[in-house]
Amino acid sequence: MAFSKTLKTRRIALFIAATDIAVLGLAIHFFVPGEMASLITDGLYTVLLYLVLALILPKVARHWLALAAFAISTLIECAQLSGVPEQLAVSFPPSRLILGTTFSALDLIAYAVGAVAVYYADKLLSQRAVQWRAAQPE
C-alpha cells in the first residue's frame, strides 16, 4: 500500500515537473534570443523526455531513463541530417519544436548535459523524499 502511494506521488511530481519544463523550454525558445538559449532548450528537451519516460515507466531505473532520453534526443538530432524534419517543418511548422530542422553537434552536448542533470536531480530529490517520509509520524 505504501509503495503504491509513493508511486502515485512520484507520478504526480513527474507530471508537474514535465509541465513546468515544457513551459520553461517554450518560454526560453520564444522569448530569449541567442545560441546559449538554444542550447539550454536542447538540454531541457532531454530533461522533458526523461520526465515523460519516467511517468510512463515509473519502475525503470533512473540510469536507463537518462540513457533512453539521451538516445532519443540524439536519434532525432541525427535524423535532421536526412532533411526530412526540415521538409516536415515547411508543411507543419509546429513539428520544428519537436524534431528541429538542422543538425548541430553542440546539441548532442546539450542533450548529454540535460540527461546527466536530470538523472542527478531525480536521484537527489527522491532521496530527500524518502528521508522526509521516514521522518513523518505514522
Protein backbone atom coordinates (compact mmCIF):
# COMPACT_ATOMS: atom_id res chain seq x y z
CA MET A 1 0.00 0.00 0.00
CA ALA A 2 2.75 2.47 0.94
CA PHE A 3 4.67 1.65 -2.26
CA SER A 4 1.58 2.31 -4.35
CA LYS A 5 1.06 5.66 -2.62
CA THR A 6 4.73 6.51 -3.16
CA LEU A 7 4.45 5.60 -6.85
CA LYS A 8 1.34 7.75 -7.23
CA THR A 9 3.07 10.68 -5.51
CA ARG A 10 6.11 10.25 -7.78
CA ARG A 11 3.93 10.24 -10.88
CA ILE A 12 2.19 13.43 -9.80
CA ALA A 13 5.57 15.08 -9.16
CA LEU A 14 6.86 13.89 -12.55
CA PHE A 15 3.79 15.27 -14.31
CA ILE A 16 4.15 18.66 -12.62
CA ALA A 17 7.88 18.75 -13.38
CA ALA A 18 7.28 17.81 -17.04
CA THR A 19 4.68 20.54 -17.39
CA ASP A 20 6.99 23.10 -15.81
CA ILE A 21 9.92 22.07 -18.03
CA ALA A 22 7.75 22.27 -21.17
CA VAL A 23 6.55 25.78 -20.27
CA LEU A 24 10.08 26.91 -19.35
CA GLY A 25 11.52 25.49 -22.58
CA LEU A 26 8.88 27.18 -24.73
CA ALA A 27 9.32 30.49 -22.90
CA ILE A 28 13.09 30.41 -23.44
CA HIS A 29 12.65 29.32 -27.06
CA PHE A 30 10.27 32.14 -27.95
CA PHE A 31 11.50 34.97 -25.72
CA VAL A 32 15.26 34.56 -25.23
CA PRO A 33 17.45 35.09 -28.29
CA GLY A 34 20.87 33.61 -28.89
CA GLU A 35 22.81 30.39 -29.16
CA MET A 36 23.03 29.88 -25.37
CA ALA A 37 19.24 29.93 -25.12
CA SER A 38 19.08 27.36 -27.91
CA LEU A 39 21.49 25.06 -26.06
CA ILE A 40 19.52 25.44 -22.83
CA THR A 41 16.29 24.49 -24.58
CA ASP A 42 18.05 21.49 -26.15
CA GLY A 43 19.09 20.31 -22.69
CA LEU A 44 15.56 20.88 -21.41
CA TYR A 45 14.26 18.79 -24.33
CA THR A 46 16.17 15.80 -22.98
CA VAL A 47 15.01 16.58 -19.43
CA LEU A 48 11.41 16.57 -20.68
CA LEU A 49 11.93 13.24 -22.45
CA TYR A 50 13.33 11.76 -19.23
CA LEU A 51 10.35 13.00 -17.23
CA VAL A 52 7.84 11.65 -19.75
CA LEU A 53 9.61 8.29 -19.87
CA ALA A 54 9.70 8.17 -16.05
CA LEU A 55 5.99 8.97 -15.97
CA ILE A 56 5.18 6.18 -18.42
CA LEU A 57 7.70 3.68 -17.00
CA PRO A 58 7.92 4.54 -13.28
CA LYS A 59 9.75 1.35 -12.24
CA VAL A 60 12.61 1.68 -14.75
CA ALA A 61 15.97 2.56 -13.21
CA ARG A 62 16.99 6.19 -13.48
CA HIS A 63 20.16 5.49 -15.41
CA TRP A 64 18.16 3.70 -18.12
CA LEU A 65 15.73 6.60 -18.31
CA ALA A 66 18.62 9.06 -18.71
CA LEU A 67 20.27 6.90 -21.37
CA ALA A 68 16.98 6.48 -23.24
CA ALA A 69 16.24 10.23 -23.13
CA PHE A 70 19.74 10.96 -24.45
CA ALA A 71 19.42 8.27 -27.14
CA ILE A 72 16.04 9.55 -28.36
CA SER A 73 17.34 13.13 -28.44
CA THR A 74 20.42 12.01 -30.36
CA LEU A 75 18.36 9.95 -32.79
CA ILE A 76 16.13 12.94 -33.54
CA GLU A 77 19.18 15.17 -33.97
CA CYS A 78 20.79 12.71 -36.37
CA ALA A 79 17.52 12.42 -38.31
CA GLN A 80 17.96 16.09 -39.14
CA LEU A 81 20.85 15.07 -41.38
CA SER A 82 18.29 13.45 -43.69
CA GLY A 83 16.45 16.72 -44.31
CA VAL A 84 13.07 15.12 -43.52
CA PRO A 85 12.41 17.17 -40.35
CA GLU A 86 13.18 20.36 -42.28
CA GLN A 87 10.72 19.40 -45.04
CA LEU A 88 8.12 18.47 -42.45
CA ALA A 89 8.56 21.86 -40.76
CA VAL A 90 7.66 23.56 -44.04
CA SER A 91 4.30 21.76 -44.22
CA PHE A 92 3.66 21.60 -40.45
CA PRO A 93 5.61 24.35 -38.61
CA PRO A 94 4.92 23.09 -35.03
CA SER A 95 6.94 19.96 -35.84
CA ARG A 96 10.01 22.21 -35.73
CA LEU A 97 9.67 22.33 -31.92
CA ILE A 98 9.88 18.55 -31.60
CA LEU A 99 12.08 17.46 -34.50
CA GLY A 100 14.20 20.55 -35.16
CA THR A 101 15.45 21.28 -38.66
CA THR A 102 19.25 21.41 -38.82
CA PHE A 103 21.91 19.19 -37.29
CA SER A 104 24.32 20.65 -34.73
CA ALA A 105 26.96 18.64 -32.89
CA LEU A 106 26.71 21.13 -29.99
CA ASP A 107 23.14 19.96 -29.46
CA LEU A 108 24.47 16.50 -28.61
CA ILE A 109 26.49 18.01 -25.77
CA ALA A 110 23.40 19.87 -24.52
CA TYR A 111 21.45 16.59 -24.57
CA ALA A 112 24.16 14.85 -22.56
CA VAL A 113 24.24 17.66 -20.01
CA GLY A 114 20.44 17.56 -19.74
CA ALA A 115 20.42 13.78 -19.24
CA VAL A 116 23.10 13.90 -16.54
CA ALA A 117 21.47 16.87 -14.79
CA VAL A 118 18.00 15.31 -14.66
CA TYR A 119 19.42 11.96 -13.52
CA TYR A 120 21.17 13.54 -10.54
CA ALA A 121 18.27 15.89 -9.77
CA ASP A 122 15.83 12.97 -9.75
CA LYS A 123 18.16 10.89 -7.59
CA LEU A 124 18.69 13.70 -5.08
CA LEU A 125 15.04 14.69 -4.88
CA SER A 126 13.95 11.06 -4.50
CA GLN A 127 16.46 10.53 -1.67
CA ARG A 128 15.19 13.64 0.08
CA ALA A 129 11.58 12.47 -0.33
CA VAL A 130 12.45 9.13 1.26
CA GLN A 131 14.17 10.90 4.17
CA TRP A 132 11.21 13.23 4.61
CA ARG A 133 8.71 10.33 4.61
CA ALA A 134 10.83 8.45 7.14
CA ALA A 135 10.78 11.46 9.47
CA GLN A 136 6.99 11.76 9.39
CA PRO A 137 4.99 10.26 12.27
CA GLU A 138 2.66 7.45 11.27
